[in-house]
C-alpha atoms as a PDB file:
ATOM      1  CA  UNK A   1     -57.858  11.570  29.801  1.00  0.00           C
ATOM      2  CA  UNK A   2     -56.518  14.819  28.346  1.00  0.00           C
ATOM      3  CA  UNK A   3     -53.554  16.741  29.722  1.00  0.00           C
ATOM      4  CA  UNK A   4     -51.719  19.944  28.813  1.00  0.00           C
ATOM      5  CA  UNK A   5     -47.952  20.339  28.944  1.00  0.00           C
ATOM      6  CA  UNK A   6     -45.423  23.109  28.363  1.00  0.00           C
ATOM      7  CA  UNK A   7     -43.070  22.486  25.432  1.00  0.00           C
ATOM      8  CA  UNK A   8     -40.091  24.535  24.279  1.00  0.00           C
ATOM      9  CA  UNK A   9     -40.318  24.514  20.488  1.00  0.00           C
ATOM     10  CA  UNK A  10     -37.654  27.057  19.433  1.00  0.00           C
ATOM     11  CA  UNK A  11     -35.113  29.349  21.112  1.00  0.00           C
ATOM     12  CA  UNK A  12     -37.089  31.483  23.561  1.00  0.00           C
ATOM     13  CA  UNK A  13     -40.464  30.087  22.462  1.00  0.00           C
ATOM     14  CA  UNK A  14     -42.763  27.866  24.513  1.00  0.00           C
ATOM     15  CA  UNK A  15     -46.293  26.599  23.907  1.00  0.00           C
ATOM     16  CA  UNK A  16     -48.913  24.526  25.718  1.00  0.00           C
ATOM     17  CA  UNK A  17     -49.747  21.291  23.948  1.00  0.00           C
ATOM     18  CA  UNK A  18     -52.650  18.938  24.538  1.00  0.00           C
ATOM     19  CA  UNK A  19     -51.956  15.246  24.854  1.00  0.00           C
ATOM     20  CA  UNK A  20     -53.910  12.098  25.645  1.00  0.00           C
ATOM     21  CA  UNK A  21     -52.762  10.117  28.663  1.00  0.00           C
ATOM     22  CA  UNK A  22     -52.661   6.354  28.147  1.00  0.00           C
ATOM     23  CA  UNK A  23     -54.468   4.043  30.560  1.00  0.00           C
ATOM     24  CA  UNK A  24     -52.771   3.910  33.950  1.00  0.00           C
ATOM     25  CA  UNK A  25     -50.593   0.866  34.542  1.00  0.00           C
ATOM     26  CA  UNK A  26     -50.812  -0.890  37.938  1.00  0.00           C
ATOM     27  CA  UNK A  27     -47.414   0.473  39.015  1.00  0.00           C
ATOM     28  CA  UNK A  28     -48.233   4.061  38.010  1.00  0.00           C
ATOM     29  CA  UNK A  29     -49.888   6.993  39.780  1.00  0.00           C
ATOM     30  CA  UNK A  30     -52.157   9.529  38.123  1.00  0.00           C
ATOM     31  CA  UNK A  31     -51.085  12.904  39.489  1.00  0.00           C
ATOM     32  CA  UNK A  32     -53.025  16.167  39.303  1.00  0.00           C
ATOM     33  CA  UNK A  33     -50.395  18.877  39.412  1.00  0.00           C
ATOM     34  CA  UNK A  34     -50.591  21.553  42.098  1.00  0.00           C
ATOM     35  CA  UNK A  35     -47.333  23.446  41.528  1.00  0.00           C
ATOM     36  CA  UNK A  36     -44.058  23.239  39.649  1.00  0.00           C
ATOM     37  CA  UNK A  37     -40.818  25.148  40.130  1.00  0.00           C
ATOM     38  CA  UNK A  38     -38.674  26.583  37.364  1.00  0.00           C
ATOM     39  CA  UNK A  39     -34.953  25.964  37.674  1.00  0.00           C
ATOM     40  CA  UNK A  40     -33.551  29.251  36.364  1.00  0.00           C
ATOM     41  CA  UNK A  41     -30.093  27.952  35.542  1.00  0.00           C
ATOM     42  CA  UNK A  42     -30.829  24.678  33.773  1.00  0.00           C
ATOM     43  CA  UNK A  43     -34.157  25.662  32.225  1.00  0.00           C
ATOM     44  CA  UNK A  44     -32.652  28.877  30.842  1.00  0.00           C
ATOM     45  CA  UNK A  45     -30.138  26.765  28.918  1.00  0.00           C
ATOM     46  CA  UNK A  46     -32.909  24.464  27.687  1.00  0.00           C
ATOM     47  CA  UNK A  47     -35.243  27.341  26.759  1.00  0.00           C
ATOM     48  CA  UNK A  48     -32.527  29.093  24.751  1.00  0.00           C
ATOM     49  CA  UNK A  49     -31.243  25.905  23.093  1.00  0.00           C
ATOM     50  CA  UNK A  50     -27.827  26.030  24.752  1.00  0.00           C
ATOM     51  CA  UNK A  51     -27.511  22.466  26.024  1.00  0.00           C
ATOM     52  CA  UNK A  52     -24.291  21.172  24.398  1.00  0.00           C
ATOM     53  CA  UNK A  53     -24.848  18.207  22.108  1.00  0.00           C
ATOM     54  CA  UNK A  54     -22.253  16.242  24.080  1.00  0.00           C
ATOM     55  CA  UNK A  55     -24.521  16.566  27.134  1.00  0.00           C
ATOM     56  CA  UNK A  56     -27.902  15.758  25.568  1.00  0.00           C
ATOM     57  CA  UNK A  57     -28.022  12.293  27.102  1.00  0.00           C
ATOM     58  CA  UNK A  58     -26.728  13.424  30.502  1.00  0.00           C
ATOM     59  CA  UNK A  59     -29.167  16.334  30.746  1.00  0.00           C
ATOM     60  CA  UNK A  60     -32.315  14.382  29.858  1.00  0.00           C
ATOM     61  CA  UNK A  61     -34.530  14.534  32.945  1.00  0.00           C
ATOM     62  CA  UNK A  62     -36.437  11.381  33.983  1.00  0.00           C
ATOM     63  CA  UNK A  63     -39.885  12.172  32.502  1.00  0.00           C
ATOM     64  CA  UNK A  64     -38.730  14.402  29.649  1.00  0.00           C
ATOM     65  CA  UNK A  65     -40.290  14.007  26.217  1.00  0.00           C
ATOM     66  CA  UNK A  66     -39.067  15.200  22.856  1.00  0.00           C
ATOM     67  CA  UNK A  67     -35.362  15.754  22.322  1.00  0.00           C
ATOM     68  CA  UNK A  68     -32.750  18.485  22.565  1.00  0.00           C
ATOM     69  CA  UNK A  69     -32.589  21.068  21.295  1.00  0.00           C
ATOM     70  CA  UNK A  70     -36.285  21.278  20.219  1.00  0.00           C
ATOM     71  CA  UNK A  71     -39.075  20.469  20.647  1.00  0.00           C
ATOM     72  CA  UNK A  72     -38.651  19.318  24.228  1.00  0.00           C
ATOM     73  CA  UNK A  73     -40.846  18.980  27.316  1.00  0.00           C
ATOM     74  CA  UNK A  74     -38.515  19.671  30.213  1.00  0.00           C
ATOM     75  CA  UNK A  75     -38.657  20.243  33.970  1.00  0.00           C
ATOM     76  CA  UNK A  76     -38.082  18.317  37.172  1.00  0.00           C
ATOM     77  CA  UNK A  77     -39.885  19.895  40.124  1.00  0.00           C
ATOM     78  CA  UNK A  78     -43.583  18.966  40.271  1.00  0.00           C
ATOM     79  CA  UNK A  79     -45.844  18.657  43.303  1.00  0.00           C
ATOM     80  CA  UNK A  80     -49.259  17.101  42.858  1.00  0.00           C
ATOM     81  CA  UNK A  81     -52.104  15.094  44.322  1.00  0.00           C
ATOM     82  CA  UNK A  82     -52.427  11.402  43.467  1.00  0.00           C
ATOM     83  CA  UNK A  83     -55.930  10.907  42.046  1.00  0.00           C
ATOM     84  CA  UNK A  84     -55.527   7.246  41.129  1.00  0.00           C
ATOM     85  CA  UNK A  85     -52.869   4.674  41.857  1.00  0.00           C
ATOM     86  CA  UNK A  86     -51.471   2.396  44.540  1.00  0.00           C
ATOM     87  CA  UNK A  87     -53.295   2.614  47.867  1.00  0.00           C
ATOM     88  CA  UNK A  88     -50.233   3.937  49.710  1.00  0.00           C
ATOM     89  CA  UNK A  89     -50.221   7.029  47.455  1.00  0.00           C
ATOM     90  CA  UNK A  90     -53.921   7.572  46.814  1.00  0.00           C
ATOM     91  CA  UNK A  91     -55.036  11.027  47.945  1.00  0.00           C
ATOM     92  CA  UNK A  92     -51.491  11.967  49.053  1.00  0.00           C
ATOM     93  CA  UNK A  93     -49.331  14.839  47.903  1.00  0.00           C
ATOM     94  CA  UNK A  94     -46.186  13.767  46.101  1.00  0.00           C
ATOM     95  CA  UNK A  95     -43.073  15.314  44.597  1.00  0.00           C
ATOM     96  CA  UNK A  96     -42.106  14.004  41.150  1.00  0.00           C
ATOM     97  CA  UNK A  97     -39.250  14.807  38.769  1.00  0.00           C
ATOM     98  CA  UNK A  98     -41.689  15.760  36.003  1.00  0.00           C
ATOM     99  CA  UNK A  99     -41.962  18.636  33.482  1.00  0.00           C
ATOM    100  CA  UNK A 100     -44.618  21.353  33.656  1.00  0.00           C
ATOM    101  CA  UNK A 101     -47.931  19.550  32.987  1.00  0.00           C
ATOM    102  CA  UNK A 102     -51.387  19.737  34.565  1.00  0.00           C
ATOM    103  CA  UNK A 103     -51.929  15.942  34.850  1.00  0.00           C
ATOM    104  CA  UNK A 104     -49.486  13.130  34.299  1.00  0.00           C
ATOM    105  CA  UNK A 105     -48.710   9.490  34.923  1.00  0.00           C
ATOM    106  CA  UNK A 106     -45.576   8.610  36.863  1.00  0.00           C
ATOM    107  CA  UNK A 107     -44.076   5.387  38.177  1.00  0.00           C
ATOM    108  CA  UNK A 108     -45.144   4.948  41.788  1.00  0.00           C
ATOM    109  CA  UNK A 109     -41.511   4.490  42.779  1.00  0.00           C
ATOM    110  CA  UNK A 110     -40.742   8.023  41.562  1.00  0.00           C
ATOM    111  CA  UNK A 111     -43.440   9.610  43.722  1.00  0.00           C
ATOM    112  CA  UNK A 112     -41.958  10.927  46.979  1.00  0.00           C
ATOM    113  CA  UNK A 113     -44.451  11.764  49.723  1.00  0.00           C
ATOM    114  CA  UNK A 114     -44.487  15.425  50.721  1.00  0.00           C
ATOM    115  CA  UNK A 115     -44.388  15.943  54.510  1.00  0.00           C
ATOM    116  CA  UNK A 116     -47.602  17.401  55.912  1.00  0.00           C
ATOM    117  CA  UNK A 117     -45.806  20.455  57.265  1.00  0.00           C
ATOM    118  CA  UNK A 118     -44.408  21.490  53.851  1.00  0.00           C
ATOM    119  CA  UNK A 119     -46.825  23.518  51.667  1.00  0.00           C
ATOM    120  CA  UNK A 120     -47.106  22.926  47.924  1.00  0.00           C
ATOM    121  CA  UNK A 121     -44.982  25.837  46.689  1.00  0.00           C
ATOM    122  CA  UNK A 122     -42.146  25.192  49.151  1.00  0.00           C
ATOM    123  CA  UNK A 123     -42.198  21.489  48.310  1.00  0.00           C
ATOM    124  CA  UNK A 124     -41.235  22.360  44.721  1.00  0.00           C
ATOM    125  CA  UNK A 125     -37.794  23.282  46.117  1.00  0.00           C
ATOM    126  CA  UNK A 126     -37.112  19.585  46.735  1.00  0.00           C
ATOM    127  CA  UNK A 127     -34.968  19.076  43.626  1.00  0.00           C
ATOM    128  CA  UNK A 128     -32.822  22.092  44.482  1.00  0.00           C
ATOM    129  CA  UNK A 129     -32.602  21.064  48.130  1.00  0.00           C
ATOM    130  CA  UNK A 130     -31.480  17.618  46.960  1.00  0.00           C
ATOM    131  CA  UNK A 131     -28.737  19.309  44.928  1.00  0.00           C
ATOM    132  CA  UNK A 132     -27.709  21.409  47.930  1.00  0.00           C
ATOM    133  CA  UNK A 133     -27.654  18.316  50.130  1.00  0.00           C
ATOM    134  CA  UNK A 134     -25.384  16.519  47.658  1.00  0.00           C
ATOM    135  CA  UNK A 135     -23.101  19.577  47.598  1.00  0.00           C
ATOM    136  CA  UNK A 136     -22.791  19.445  51.388  1.00  0.00           C
ATOM    137  CA  UNK A 137     -22.009  15.738  51.245  1.00  0.00           C
ATOM    138  CA  UNK A 138     -19.329  16.422  48.613  1.00  0.00           C
ATOM    139  CA  UNK A 139     -17.971  19.362  50.632  1.00  0.00           C
ATOM    140  CA  UNK A 140     -17.447  17.354  53.834  1.00  0.00           C
ATOM    141  CA  UNK A 141     -17.458  20.509  55.995  1.00  0.00           C
ATOM    142  CA  UNK A 142     -15.368  20.617  59.145  1.00  0.00           C
ATOM    143  CA  UNK A 143     -16.615  22.497  62.240  1.00  0.00           C
ATOM    144  CA  UNK A 144     -14.733  25.761  62.552  1.00  0.00           C
ATOM    145  CA  UNK A 145     -14.029  26.208  58.843  1.00  0.00           C
ATOM    146  CA  UNK A 146     -14.371  29.572  57.142  1.00  0.00           C
ATOM    147  CA  UNK A 147     -16.833  29.035  54.282  1.00  0.00           C
ATOM    148  CA  UNK A 148     -17.703  31.217  51.299  1.00  0.00           C
ATOM    149  CA  UNK A 149     -20.715  30.487  49.095  1.00  0.00           C
ATOM    150  CA  UNK A 150     -20.658  32.450  45.835  1.00  0.00           C
ATOM    151  CA  UNK A 151     -24.002  32.914  44.110  1.00  0.00           C
ATOM    152  CA  UNK A 152     -27.297  33.619  45.881  1.00  0.00           C
ATOM    153  CA  UNK A 153     -29.551  31.734  43.515  1.00  0.00           C
ATOM    154  CA  UNK A 154     -31.688  28.884  44.807  1.00  0.00           C
ATOM    155  CA  UNK A 155     -28.885  26.302  44.963  1.00  0.00           C
ATOM    156  CA  UNK A 156     -26.405  28.728  46.528  1.00  0.00           C
ATOM    157  CA  UNK A 157     -28.926  29.885  49.116  1.00  0.00           C
ATOM    158  CA  UNK A 158     -29.920  26.338  50.057  1.00  0.00           C
ATOM    159  CA  UNK A 159     -26.313  25.148  50.219  1.00  0.00           C
ATOM    160  CA  UNK A 160     -25.429  28.105  52.458  1.00  0.00           C
ATOM    161  CA  UNK A 161     -28.518  27.426  54.587  1.00  0.00           C
ATOM    162  CA  UNK A 162     -27.447  23.812  55.170  1.00  0.00           C
ATOM    163  CA  UNK A 163     -23.751  24.549  55.710  1.00  0.00           C
ATOM    164  CA  UNK A 164     -24.517  27.318  58.220  1.00  0.00           C
ATOM    165  CA  UNK A 165     -26.161  24.749  60.494  1.00  0.00           C
ATOM    166  CA  UNK A 166     -22.865  22.968  61.160  1.00  0.00           C
ATOM    167  CA  UNK A 167     -21.311  23.899  64.530  1.00  0.00           C
ATOM    168  CA  UNK A 168     -18.613  26.538  64.445  1.00  0.00           C
ATOM    169  CA  UNK A 169     -18.934  27.239  60.710  1.00  0.00           C
ATOM    170  CA  UNK A 170     -18.074  30.838  59.833  1.00  0.00           C
ATOM    171  CA  UNK A 171     -20.035  31.329  56.597  1.00  0.00           C
ATOM    172  CA  UNK A 172     -20.532  34.242  54.227  1.00  0.00           C
ATOM    173  CA  UNK A 173     -22.846  34.283  51.208  1.00  0.00           C
ATOM    174  CA  UNK A 174     -21.555  36.402  48.319  1.00  0.00           C
ATOM    175  CA  UNK A 175     -23.468  37.778  45.336  1.00  0.00           C
ATOM    176  CA  UNK A 176     -23.092  40.709  42.941  1.00  0.00           C
ATOM    177  CA  UNK A 177     -26.736  41.725  43.527  1.00  0.00           C
ATOM    178  CA  UNK A 178     -27.005  43.799  46.736  1.00  0.00           C
ATOM    179  CA  UNK A 179     -30.726  43.014  46.750  1.00  0.00           C
ATOM    180  CA  UNK A 180     -29.872  39.485  47.857  1.00  0.00           C
ATOM    181  CA  UNK A 181     -28.655  40.787  51.239  1.00  0.00           C
ATOM    182  CA  UNK A 182     -32.156  40.925  52.716  1.00  0.00           C
ATOM    183  CA  UNK A 183     -32.907  37.423  51.460  1.00  0.00           C
ATOM    184  CA  UNK A 184     -29.696  36.126  53.030  1.00  0.00           C
ATOM    185  CA  UNK A 185     -30.577  37.837  56.315  1.00  0.00           C
ATOM    186  CA  UNK A 186     -34.001  36.162  56.334  1.00  0.00           C
ATOM    187  CA  UNK A 187     -32.172  32.819  56.445  1.00  0.00           C
ATOM    188  CA  UNK A 188     -29.771  34.014  59.141  1.00  0.00           C
ATOM    189  CA  UNK A 189     -26.833  34.277  56.716  1.00  0.00           C
ATOM    190  CA  UNK A 190     -24.121  36.917  56.539  1.00  0.00           C
ATOM    191  CA  UNK A 191     -23.794  38.570  53.115  1.00  0.00           C
ATOM    192  CA  UNK A 192     -21.098  40.373  51.171  1.00  0.00           C
ATOM    193  CA  UNK A 193     -20.555  41.794  47.701  1.00  0.00           C
ATOM    194  CA  UNK A 194     -17.669  40.367  45.617  1.00  0.00           C
ATOM    195  CA  UNK A 195     -15.313  43.265  46.406  1.00  0.00           C
ATOM    196  CA  UNK A 196     -15.632  42.501  50.117  1.00  0.00           C
ATOM    197  CA  UNK A 197     -14.764  38.793  49.883  1.00  0.00           C
ATOM    198  CA  UNK A 198     -11.544  38.033  51.775  1.00  0.00           C
ATOM    199  CA  UNK A 199      -8.730  35.619  50.947  1.00  0.00           C
ATOM    200  CA  UNK A 200      -9.264  33.399  53.958  1.00  0.00           C
ATOM    201  CA  UNK A 201     -11.753  30.643  53.163  1.00  0.00           C
ATOM    202  CA  UNK A 202     -10.946  26.949  53.551  1.00  0.00           C
ATOM    203  CA  UNK A 203     -14.167  25.833  51.843  1.00  0.00           C
ATOM    204  CA  UNK A 204     -15.800  27.610  48.904  1.00  0.00           C
ATOM    205  CA  UNK A 205     -18.958  26.637  47.040  1.00  0.00           C
ATOM    206  CA  UNK A 206     -19.366  28.312  43.669  1.00  0.00           C
ATOM    207  CA  UNK A 207     -22.956  28.461  42.400  1.00  0.00           C
ATOM    208  CA  UNK A 208     -23.180  31.704  40.417  1.00  0.00           C
ATOM    209  CA  UNK A 209     -23.029  30.127  36.915  1.00  0.00           C
ATOM    210  CA  UNK A 210     -20.714  33.001  35.996  1.00  0.00           C
ATOM    211  CA  UNK A 211     -17.014  32.428  35.194  1.00  0.00           C
ATOM    212  CA  UNK A 212     -16.140  35.571  37.169  1.00  0.00           C
ATOM    213  CA  UNK A 213     -17.625  33.907  40.241  1.00  0.00           C
ATOM    214  CA  UNK A 214     -15.247  30.967  39.875  1.00  0.00           C
ATOM    215  CA  UNK A 215     -12.329  33.343  39.404  1.00  0.00           C
ATOM    216  CA  UNK A 216     -13.422  35.072  42.625  1.00  0.00           C
ATOM    217  CA  UNK A 217     -13.399  31.672  44.331  1.00  0.00           C
ATOM    218  CA  UNK A 218      -9.775  31.140  43.321  1.00  0.00           C
ATOM    219  CA  UNK A 219      -8.828  34.593  44.626  1.00  0.00           C
ATOM    220  CA  UNK A 220     -10.660  34.021  47.920  1.00  0.00           C
ATOM    221  CA  UNK A 221      -9.235  30.597  48.723  1.00  0.00           C
ATOM    222  CA  UNK A 222      -6.914  30.016  51.659  1.00  0.00           C
ATOM    223  CA  UNK A 223      -3.989  27.585  51.581  1.00  0.00           C
ATOM    224  CA  UNK A 224      -5.157  24.083  50.575  1.00  0.00           C
ATOM    225  CA  UNK A 225      -8.757  25.219  50.292  1.00  0.00           C
ATOM    226  CA  UNK A 226     -11.448  23.130  48.615  1.00  0.00           C
ATOM    227  CA  UNK A 227     -13.494  24.824  45.886  1.00  0.00           C
ATOM    228  CA  UNK A 228     -16.682  22.995  44.886  1.00  0.00           C
ATOM    229  CA  UNK A 229     -18.017  23.900  41.446  1.00  0.00           C
ATOM    230  CA  UNK A 230     -21.805  23.583  41.617  1.00  0.00           C
ATOM    231  CA  UNK A 231     -22.599  25.673  38.526  1.00  0.00           C
ATOM    232  CA  UNK A 232     -23.232  24.236  35.100  1.00  0.00           C
ATOM    233  CA  UNK A 233     -22.033  26.471  32.278  1.00  0.00           C
ATOM    234  CA  UNK A 234     -23.684  24.674  29.374  1.00  0.00           C
ATOM    235  CA  UNK A 235     -21.811  25.660  26.213  1.00  0.00           C
ATOM    236  CA  UNK A 236     -20.006  28.608  27.843  1.00  0.00           C
ATOM    237  CA  UNK A 237     -16.205  28.400  27.980  1.00  0.00           C
ATOM    238  CA  UNK A 238     -14.839  29.262  31.424  1.00  0.00           C
ATOM    239  CA  UNK A 239     -11.312  30.706  31.426  1.00  0.00           C
ATOM    240  CA  UNK A 240      -9.481  30.420  34.750  1.00  0.00           C
ATOM    241  CA  UNK A 241      -6.187  31.904  36.038  1.00  0.00           C
ATOM    242  CA  UNK A 242      -4.638  28.588  37.022  1.00  0.00           C
ATOM    243  CA  UNK A 243      -1.167  30.007  36.484  1.00  0.00           C
ATOM    244  CA  UNK A 244      -1.388  32.322  39.499  1.00  0.00           C
ATOM    245  CA  UNK A 245      -1.790  31.081  43.097  1.00  0.00           C
ATOM    246  CA  UNK A 246      -3.652  27.893  42.187  1.00  0.00           C
ATOM    247  CA  UNK A 247      -0.549  25.697  42.611  1.00  0.00           C
ATOM    248  CA  UNK A 248       1.329  27.583  45.326  1.00  0.00           C
ATOM    249  CA  UNK A 249      -1.763  27.495  47.551  1.00  0.00           C
ATOM    250  CA  UNK A 250      -2.364  23.811  46.674  1.00  0.00           C
ATOM    251  CA  UNK A 251      -6.021  24.466  45.895  1.00  0.00           C
ATOM    252  CA  UNK A 252      -8.524  21.709  45.043  1.00  0.00           C
ATOM    253  CA  UNK A 253     -11.206  22.343  42.418  1.00  0.00           C
ATOM    254  CA  UNK A 254     -13.956  19.730  42.807  1.00  0.00           C
ATOM    255  CA  UNK A 255     -16.967  19.057  40.596  1.00  0.00           C
ATOM    256  CA  UNK A 256     -20.272  18.453  42.361  1.00  0.00           C
ATOM    257  CA  UNK A 257     -23.457  17.378  40.593  1.00  0.00           C
ATOM    258  CA  UNK A 258     -26.727  15.838  41.711  1.00  0.00           C
ATOM    259  CA  UNK A 259     -26.869  13.115  39.028  1.00  0.00           C
ATOM    260  CA  UNK A 260     -24.967  10.705  41.288  1.00  0.00           C
ATOM    261  CA  UNK A 261     -25.134  10.333  45.060  1.00  0.00           C
ATOM    262  CA  UNK A 262     -22.001  11.810  46.622  1.00  0.00           C
ATOM    263  CA  UNK A 263     -19.266   9.208  47.163  1.00  0.00           C
ATOM    264  CA  UNK A 264     -19.345   9.852  50.907  1.00  0.00           C
ATOM    265  CA  UNK A 265     -22.942   8.520  51.030  1.00  0.00           C
ATOM    266  CA  UNK A 266     -23.024   6.257  47.977  1.00  0.00           C
ATOM    267  CA  UNK A 267     -24.108   2.789  48.979  1.00  0.00           C
ATOM    268  CA  UNK A 268     -25.464   4.187  52.241  1.00  0.00           C
ATOM    269  CA  UNK A 269     -28.347   6.258  50.863  1.00  0.00           C
ATOM    270  CA  UNK A 270     -30.372   5.590  47.727  1.00  0.00           C
ATOM    271  CA  UNK A 271     -31.682   8.279  45.389  1.00  0.00           C
ATOM    272  CA  UNK A 272     -35.123   7.893  46.996  1.00  0.00           C
ATOM    273  CA  UNK A 273     -33.687   8.270  50.496  1.00  0.00           C
ATOM    274  CA  UNK A 274     -31.745  11.368  49.465  1.00  0.00           C
ATOM    275  CA  UNK A 275     -34.910  12.939  48.015  1.00  0.00           C
ATOM    276  CA  UNK A 276     -36.891  12.015  51.123  1.00  0.00           C
ATOM    277  CA  UNK A 277     -34.291  13.700  53.308  1.00  0.00           C
ATOM    278  CA  UNK A 278     -34.337  16.791  51.082  1.00  0.00           C
ATOM    279  CA  UNK A 279     -38.127  17.054  51.455  1.00  0.00           C
ATOM    280  CA  UNK A 280     -37.871  16.782  55.238  1.00  0.00           C
ATOM    281  CA  UNK A 281     -35.285  19.595  55.280  1.00  0.00           C
ATOM    282  CA  UNK A 282     -37.861  21.928  53.702  1.00  0.00           C
ATOM    283  CA  UNK A 283     -39.885  22.024  56.930  1.00  0.00           C
ATOM    284  CA  UNK A 284     -38.814  25.603  57.659  1.00  0.00           C
ATOM    285  CA  UNK A 285     -41.124  28.572  56.841  1.00  0.00           C
ATOM    286  CA  UNK A 286     -38.104  30.825  56.288  1.00  0.00           C
ATOM    287  CA  UNK A 287     -37.512  29.039  52.985  1.00  0.00           C
ATOM    288  CA  UNK A 288     -40.704  30.594  51.594  1.00  0.00           C
ATOM    289  CA  UNK A 289     -38.581  33.705  50.960  1.00  0.00           C
ATOM    290  CA  UNK A 290     -36.980  31.896  48.003  1.00  0.00           C
ATOM    291  CA  UNK A 291     -40.297  31.480  46.195  1.00  0.00           C
ATOM    292  CA  UNK A 292     -41.597  34.040  43.719  1.00  0.00           C
ATOM    293  CA  UNK A 293     -45.120  35.259  43.081  1.00  0.00           C
ATOM    294  CA  UNK A 294     -46.947  32.320  41.481  1.00  0.00           C
ATOM    295  CA  UNK A 295     -47.539  32.261  37.725  1.00  0.00           C
ATOM    296  CA  UNK A 296     -50.653  30.573  36.371  1.00  0.00           C
ATOM    297  CA  UNK A 297     -49.871  27.602  34.147  1.00  0.00           C
ATOM    298  CA  UNK A 298     -52.004  29.076  31.330  1.00  0.00           C
ATOM    299  CA  UNK A 299     -49.731  32.157  31.295  1.00  0.00           C
ATOM    300  CA  UNK A 300     -46.448  30.221  31.214  1.00  0.00           C
ATOM    301  CA  UNK A 301     -45.735  30.507  27.447  1.00  0.00           C
ATOM    302  CA  UNK A 302     -45.988  34.308  27.604  1.00  0.00           C
ATOM    303  CA  UNK A 303     -44.075  34.644  30.868  1.00  0.00           C
ATOM    304  CA  UNK A 304     -41.337  32.014  30.687  1.00  0.00           C
ATOM    305  CA  UNK A 305     -38.683  34.347  29.224  1.00  0.00           C
ATOM    306  CA  UNK A 306     -39.269  36.872  31.987  1.00  0.00           C
ATOM    307  CA  UNK A 307     -39.266  34.226  34.707  1.00  0.00           C
ATOM    308  CA  UNK A 308     -35.891  33.031  33.426  1.00  0.00           C
ATOM    309  CA  UNK A 309     -34.512  36.578  33.487  1.00  0.00           C
ATOM    310  CA  UNK A 310     -34.171  36.805  29.706  1.00  0.00           C
ATOM    311  CA  UNK A 311     -36.173  40.024  29.240  1.00  0.00           C
ATOM    312  CA  UNK A 312     -33.907  42.376  31.183  1.00  0.00           C
ATOM    313  CA  UNK A 313     -36.450  42.869  33.954  1.00  0.00           C
ATOM    314  CA  UNK A 314     -35.807  42.681  37.716  1.00  0.00           C
ATOM    315  CA  UNK A 315     -34.539  39.343  38.986  1.00  0.00           C
ATOM    316  CA  UNK A 316     -37.327  38.755  41.510  1.00  0.00           C
ATOM    317  CA  UNK A 317     -37.302  35.816  43.912  1.00  0.00           C
ATOM    318  CA  UNK A 318     -34.810  33.051  43.069  1.00  0.00           C
ATOM    319  CA  UNK A 319     -37.375  30.310  42.474  1.00  0.00           C
ATOM    320  CA  UNK A 320     -40.300  31.012  40.103  1.00  0.00           C
ATOM    321  CA  UNK A 321     -43.313  28.799  40.831  1.00  0.00           C
ATOM    322  CA  UNK A 322     -46.137  27.806  38.482  1.00  0.00           C
ATOM    323  CA  UNK A 323     -49.564  27.008  39.917  1.00  0.00           C
ATOM    324  CA  UNK A 324     -52.309  24.869  38.412  1.00  0.00           C
ATOM    325  CA  UNK A 325     -56.028  25.597  38.916  1.00  0.00           C
END
C-alpha cells in the first residue's frame, strides 16, 4: 500500500514523499489519517534546522523517520481511522504520536481511542493538552493562589484553561499580542498585556518561548514564588537577571517537560493513562477556538512556513490543523 508523508529536507523547505507501507504486523494498526496538528514551537525549530545537536536524541518523536537536521519526517499529533488491525481498534478513531502522513502503520499500544464527543480537529490538541496536564501536575497549584501564565500559544492557553478550574485560583493570562484577549475571553480567562502584569503572583507558568517572557516572570513573581519554564528555546541562549531579586525573593525556577510523567504522578499514571486523560479533557467545544482554518495535506509544502509564522503574516489561530481527503 502506498502512502504520502511530509518531509523537511532543508531549512524552510518541505516536500511530500511517496513511500510503500510494509505488510501490517499482528500488533499494528493501519490508520487512515483524518487530521494532524502542527506544533508551532517545536516544528518551527525542526523546519528551520534549529534543533541543537545535543538534543537530537531527546527530540526524536516516537514515529519519526530520517534524522536531524535533514531530511526528517516529524510531527506528533495525528488523528485517524483504523482500517485494519486488532478488533478492539477496528473502525475506531485514534490519536497517535505520528508525523504528517495520509496512511501509516502504528503499534496498537500507541493508538489512543478518541472519545466520541471530541471531533477530529479538536482531538489533534491531545499532545498539547497532555503537555498542559503535565505542567499542572508539576505546578501543584494551591487553591487561592495568584497565578500568571505568560504566553497565549496552544500550551499556554491549555495550561491556563486547566489551572483556572481549580477552586479559588486567581489567574491571568499574559501575552504581547492584544489579539489574544478575545481568545482568552472565549475560555473564560482574564487577559493582560506584559506592561500590566503585577508583581504579586505565587505561581507563574512561562510558555512564550521568548526570553523576555521569562524575564517578565522573574519581575512578576511574589516572595517564594514558583516559576515553571514550559518553553523550549532550542539553540537560543536565554539571558536572565538572576542577580536582582531572584535570591532575595527566594524564587524557584522549575523545568517542566512532557517527556517524563511529572514526579507527583509518576508510578501512579502511565504514559497511556496520561494521554487518555488528556483526550477526555478535550470534551469542551470552547477549545475549538484554538484551531485554525484547516489546510489541505496536498498544500502543506507550500504553506508550512506561513503556518509556522515564518513569513511575517498574521499569527492566526494558535493551532494549525492539516486535513486529509
